[in-house]
Amino acid sequence: MEAVKALAGTDPQAPWTFICDGLNTHKSEALVRFVAEACGLSEELGKKGKTGILKSMESRADFLHDPSHRIRFVYTPKHSSWMNQIEIWFGIINRKLLKRKSYLSTEELEASILRFIEQYNLTAHPFKWTYAGIPLAI
């Protein structure tokens, strides 16, 4: 929630689309209230667990996903393998490039990342995704 506030606060008039998984914290009452306030929406939100937009996780997710809002959320499907592969890619960049370096500017950081991607792509191959869609037994 605080990360969303901070990021949206960097440009309070810009449209923002956040892509995240369906974790309950990404559909919280506080997040709904923030989005309603930040988007200047005056509709009644209801009461958490009882009425209106705040009634359920599903009703909050529908509100947060509304494309007419300046700040909106898009939820990935359960077991969305592409999101896991993005996390793998960020791990590679972190371990092989960012972990032991510091940068004097965002321009220097951007140039370093772009050089890394160019070099990495010379030998890159697709990640082998092994999830078979079978729930883990507990």
C-alpha atoms as a PDB file:
ATOM      1  CA  MET A   1       0.000   0.000   0.000  1.00  0.00           C
ATOM      2  CA  GLU A   2       2.744   2.461   0.928  1.00  0.00           C
ATOM      3  CA  ALA A   3       4.679   1.601  -2.245  1.00  0.00           C
ATOM      4  CA  VAL A   4       1.584   2.319  -4.362  1.00  0.00           C
ATOM      5  CA  LYS A   5       1.051   5.642  -2.571  1.00  0.00           C
ATOM      6  CA  ALA A   6       4.681   6.625  -3.012  1.00  0.00           C
ATOM      7  CA  LEU A   7       4.790   5.708  -6.689  1.00  0.00           C
ATOM      8  CA  ALA A   8       1.466   7.338  -7.552  1.00  0.00           C
ATOM      9  CA  GLY A   9       2.602  10.386  -5.575  1.00  0.00           C
ATOM     10  CA  THR A  10       5.506  10.930  -7.977  1.00  0.00           C
ATOM     11  CA  ASP A  11       2.990  12.091 -10.596  1.00  0.00           C
ATOM     12  CA  PRO A  12      -0.402  12.679  -8.956  1.00  0.00           C
ATOM     13  CA  GLN A  13      -2.232  13.350 -12.231  1.00  0.00           C
ATOM     14  CA  ALA A  14      -0.824  10.477 -14.311  1.00  0.00           C
ATOM     15  CA  PRO A  15      -2.720   7.283 -15.044  1.00  0.00           C
ATOM     16  CA  TRP A  16      -1.247   4.289 -13.218  1.00  0.00           C
ATOM     17  CA  THR A  17      -1.753   0.582 -13.873  1.00  0.00           C
ATOM     18  CA  PHE A  18      -0.320  -1.806 -11.301  1.00  0.00           C
ATOM     19  CA  ILE A  19       0.117  -5.471 -12.220  1.00  0.00           C
ATOM     20  CA  CYS A  20       0.111  -7.813  -9.255  1.00  0.00           C
ATOM     21  CA  ASP A  21      -0.973 -11.216  -8.080  1.00  0.00           C
ATOM     22  CA  GLY A  22      -4.284 -11.837  -6.343  1.00  0.00           C
ATOM     23  CA  LEU A  23      -2.904 -11.660  -2.807  1.00  0.00           C
ATOM     24  CA  ASN A  24      -5.477 -10.293  -0.362  1.00  0.00           C
ATOM     25  CA  THR A  25      -3.299  -7.276   0.483  1.00  0.00           C
ATOM     26  CA  HIS A  26      -3.652  -6.187  -3.152  1.00  0.00           C
ATOM     27  CA  LYS A  27      -7.426  -5.931  -2.605  1.00  0.00           C
ATOM     28  CA  SER A  28      -7.517  -4.317   0.824  1.00  0.00           C
ATOM     29  CA  GLU A  29     -10.006  -1.833   2.223  1.00  0.00           C
ATOM     30  CA  ALA A  30      -7.187   0.696   2.666  1.00  0.00           C
ATOM     31  CA  LEU A  31      -6.181   0.333  -0.988  1.00  0.00           C
ATOM     32  CA  VAL A  32      -9.772   0.859  -2.165  1.00  0.00           C
ATOM     33  CA  ARG A  33     -10.056   3.972   0.013  1.00  0.00           C
ATOM     34  CA  PHE A  34      -6.755   5.318  -1.307  1.00  0.00           C
ATOM     35  CA  VAL A  35      -7.713   4.762  -4.961  1.00  0.00           C
ATOM     36  CA  ALA A  36     -11.136   6.350  -4.433  1.00  0.00           C
ATOM     37  CA  GLU A  37      -9.576   9.409  -2.809  1.00  0.00           C
ATOM     38  CA  ALA A  38      -6.663   9.729  -5.266  1.00  0.00           C
ATOM     39  CA  CYS A  39      -9.049   9.428  -8.235  1.00  0.00           C
ATOM     40  CA  GLY A  40     -11.498  11.946  -6.767  1.00  0.00           C
ATOM     41  CA  LEU A  41     -14.308   9.400  -6.607  1.00  0.00           C
ATOM     42  CA  SER A  42     -17.121  10.350  -4.255  1.00  0.00           C
ATOM     43  CA  GLU A  43     -19.255   7.215  -4.462  1.00  0.00           C
ATOM     44  CA  GLU A  44     -20.187   5.440  -1.240  1.00  0.00           C
ATOM     45  CA  LEU A  45     -17.768   2.566  -0.623  1.00  0.00           C
ATOM     46  CA  GLY A  46     -19.939   0.679   1.846  1.00  0.00           C
ATOM     47  CA  LYS A  47     -18.838  -1.243   4.906  1.00  0.00           C
ATOM     48  CA  LYS A  48     -16.104  -3.895   4.868  1.00  0.00           C
ATOM     49  CA  GLY A  49     -17.582  -7.381   4.879  1.00  0.00           C
ATOM     50  CA  LYS A  50     -21.153  -6.084   4.731  1.00  0.00           C
ATOM     51  CA  THR A  51     -22.110  -3.711   1.891  1.00  0.00           C
ATOM     52  CA  GLY A  52     -21.038  -1.930  -1.276  1.00  0.00           C
ATOM     53  CA  ILE A  53     -17.621  -1.995  -2.865  1.00  0.00           C
ATOM     54  CA  LEU A  54     -15.999  -3.026   0.428  1.00  0.00           C
ATOM     55  CA  LYS A  55     -18.293  -6.029   0.876  1.00  0.00           C
ATOM     56  CA  SER A  56     -15.907  -8.704  -0.408  1.00  0.00           C
ATOM     57  CA  MET A  57     -12.499  -9.324  -1.957  1.00  0.00           C
ATOM     58  CA  GLU A  58     -14.250  -9.799  -5.289  1.00  0.00           C
ATOM     59  CA  SER A  59     -16.127  -6.471  -5.107  1.00  0.00           C
ATOM     60  CA  ARG A  60     -12.938  -4.652  -4.044  1.00  0.00           C
ATOM     61  CA  ALA A  61     -10.967  -6.298  -6.893  1.00  0.00           C
ATOM     62  CA  ASP A  62     -13.674  -5.261  -9.389  1.00  0.00           C
ATOM     63  CA  PHE A  63     -13.450  -1.659  -8.155  1.00  0.00           C
ATOM     64  CA  LEU A  64      -9.639  -1.613  -8.257  1.00  0.00           C
ATOM     65  CA  HIS A  65      -9.626  -3.160 -11.744  1.00  0.00           C
ATOM     66  CA  ASP A  66     -12.028  -0.577 -13.217  1.00  0.00           C
ATOM     67  CA  PRO A  67     -10.390   0.842 -16.385  1.00  0.00           C
ATOM     68  CA  SER A  68     -12.145   4.187 -15.924  1.00  0.00           C
ATOM     69  CA  HIS A  69     -10.076   4.884 -12.782  1.00  0.00           C
ATOM     70  CA  ARG A  70      -6.825   6.817 -13.099  1.00  0.00           C
ATOM     71  CA  ILE A  71      -5.227   4.296 -10.728  1.00  0.00           C
ATOM     72  CA  ARG A  72      -6.130   0.697 -11.445  1.00  0.00           C
ATOM     73  CA  PHE A  73      -4.932  -2.817 -10.746  1.00  0.00           C
ATOM     74  CA  VAL A  74      -4.637  -5.770 -13.079  1.00  0.00           C
ATOM     75  CA  TYR A  75      -4.470  -9.150 -11.379  1.00  0.00           C
ATOM     76  CA  THR A  76      -2.518 -12.039 -12.837  1.00  0.00           C
ATOM     77  CA  PRO A  77      -4.186 -15.451 -12.965  1.00  0.00           C
ATOM     78  CA  LYS A  78      -3.270 -18.058 -10.367  1.00  0.00           C
ATOM     79  CA  HIS A  79      -0.069 -19.905 -11.258  1.00  0.00           C
ATOM     80  CA  SER A  80       0.759 -17.359 -13.960  1.00  0.00           C
ATOM     81  CA  SER A  81       4.081 -18.658 -15.155  1.00  0.00           C
ATOM     82  CA  TRP A  82       5.072 -15.469 -16.983  1.00  0.00           C
ATOM     83  CA  MET A  83       5.146 -13.558 -13.678  1.00  0.00           C
ATOM     84  CA  ASN A  84       7.438 -16.178 -12.154  1.00  0.00           C
ATOM     85  CA  GLN A  85       9.716 -15.909 -15.175  1.00  0.00           C
ATOM     86  CA  ILE A  86       9.892 -12.133 -14.743  1.00  0.00           C
ATOM     87  CA  GLU A  87      10.926 -12.698 -11.128  1.00  0.00           C
ATOM     88  CA  ILE A  88      13.631 -15.117 -12.356  1.00  0.00           C
ATOM     89  CA  TRP A  89      14.877 -12.450 -14.798  1.00  0.00           C
ATOM     90  CA  PHE A  90      15.003  -9.773 -12.070  1.00  0.00           C
ATOM     91  CA  GLY A  91      16.950 -12.241  -9.917  1.00  0.00           C
ATOM     92  CA  ILE A  92      19.508 -12.708 -12.710  1.00  0.00           C
ATOM     93  CA  ILE A  93      19.926  -8.953 -13.158  1.00  0.00           C
ATOM     94  CA  ASN A  94      20.239  -8.487  -9.424  1.00  0.00           C
ATOM     95  CA  ARG A  95      22.841 -11.257  -8.931  1.00  0.00           C
ATOM     96  CA  LYS A  96      24.933 -10.629 -12.040  1.00  0.00           C
ATOM     97  CA  LEU A  97      24.754  -6.847 -12.324  1.00  0.00           C
ATOM     98  CA  LEU A  98      23.273  -4.843  -9.481  1.00  0.00           C
ATOM     99  CA  LYS A  99      24.266  -6.625  -6.280  1.00  0.00           C
ATOM    100  CA  ARG A 100      27.756  -5.185  -5.873  1.00  0.00           C
ATOM    101  CA  LYS A 101      27.488  -1.982  -7.876  1.00  0.00           C
ATOM    102  CA  SER A 102      26.414   1.549  -7.192  1.00  0.00           C
ATOM    103  CA  TYR A 103      25.443   4.250  -9.648  1.00  0.00           C
ATOM    104  CA  LEU A 104      25.748   8.014  -9.563  1.00  0.00           C
ATOM    105  CA  SER A 105      22.599   8.629 -11.611  1.00  0.00           C
ATOM    106  CA  THR A 106      19.542   6.908 -13.021  1.00  0.00           C
ATOM    107  CA  GLU A 107      21.001   7.492 -16.488  1.00  0.00           C
ATOM    108  CA  GLU A 108      24.136   5.537 -15.542  1.00  0.00           C
ATOM    109  CA  LEU A 109      21.979   2.741 -14.082  1.00  0.00           C
ATOM    110  CA  GLU A 110      19.823   2.621 -17.219  1.00  0.00           C
ATOM    111  CA  ALA A 111      22.877   2.465 -19.510  1.00  0.00           C
ATOM    112  CA  SER A 112      24.373  -0.352 -17.420  1.00  0.00           C
ATOM    113  CA  ILE A 113      21.142  -2.374 -17.515  1.00  0.00           C
ATOM    114  CA  LEU A 114      20.777  -1.902 -21.276  1.00  0.00           C
ATOM    115  CA  ARG A 115      24.393  -3.036 -21.839  1.00  0.00           C
ATOM    116  CA  PHE A 116      23.776  -6.076 -19.634  1.00  0.00           C
ATOM    117  CA  ILE A 117      20.616  -6.995 -21.573  1.00  0.00           C
ATOM    118  CA  GLU A 118      22.448  -6.655 -24.884  1.00  0.00           C
ATOM    119  CA  GLN A 119      25.257  -8.950 -23.696  1.00  0.00           C
ATOM    120  CA  TYR A 120      22.883 -11.390 -22.007  1.00  0.00           C
ATOM    121  CA  ASN A 121      20.781 -11.746 -25.160  1.00  0.00           C
ATOM    122  CA  LEU A 122      23.806 -13.003 -27.107  1.00  0.00           C
ATOM    123  CA  THR A 123      23.623 -16.301 -25.210  1.00  0.00           C
ATOM    124  CA  ALA A 124      20.073 -16.207 -23.833  1.00  0.00           C
ATOM    125  CA  HIS A 125      17.664 -19.119 -24.130  1.00  0.00           C
ATOM    126  CA  PRO A 126      14.090 -19.574 -22.909  1.00  0.00           C
ATOM    127  CA  PHE A 127      13.582 -20.478 -19.266  1.00  0.00           C
ATOM    128  CA  LYS A 128      12.398 -24.025 -18.827  1.00  0.00           C
ATOM    129  CA  TRP A 129       9.096 -23.840 -16.969  1.00  0.00           C
ATOM    130  CA  THR A 130       8.289 -27.070 -15.173  1.00  0.00           C
ATOM    131  CA  TYR A 131       5.048 -26.343 -13.305  1.00  0.00           C
ATOM    132  CA  ALA A 132       2.581 -29.044 -14.329  1.00  0.00           C
ATOM    133  CA  GLY A 133      -0.520 -27.542 -12.738  1.00  0.00           C
ATOM    134  CA  ILE A 134      -0.622 -30.171 -10.018  1.00  0.00           C
ATOM    135  CA  PRO A 135      -1.213 -28.803  -6.499  1.00  0.00           C
ATOM    136  CA  LEU A 136       1.458 -29.682  -3.981  1.00  0.00           C
ATOM    137  CA  ALA A 137       0.440 -32.321  -1.433  1.00  0.00           C
ATOM    138  CA  ILE A 138       0.759 -31.215   2.185  1.00  0.00           C
END
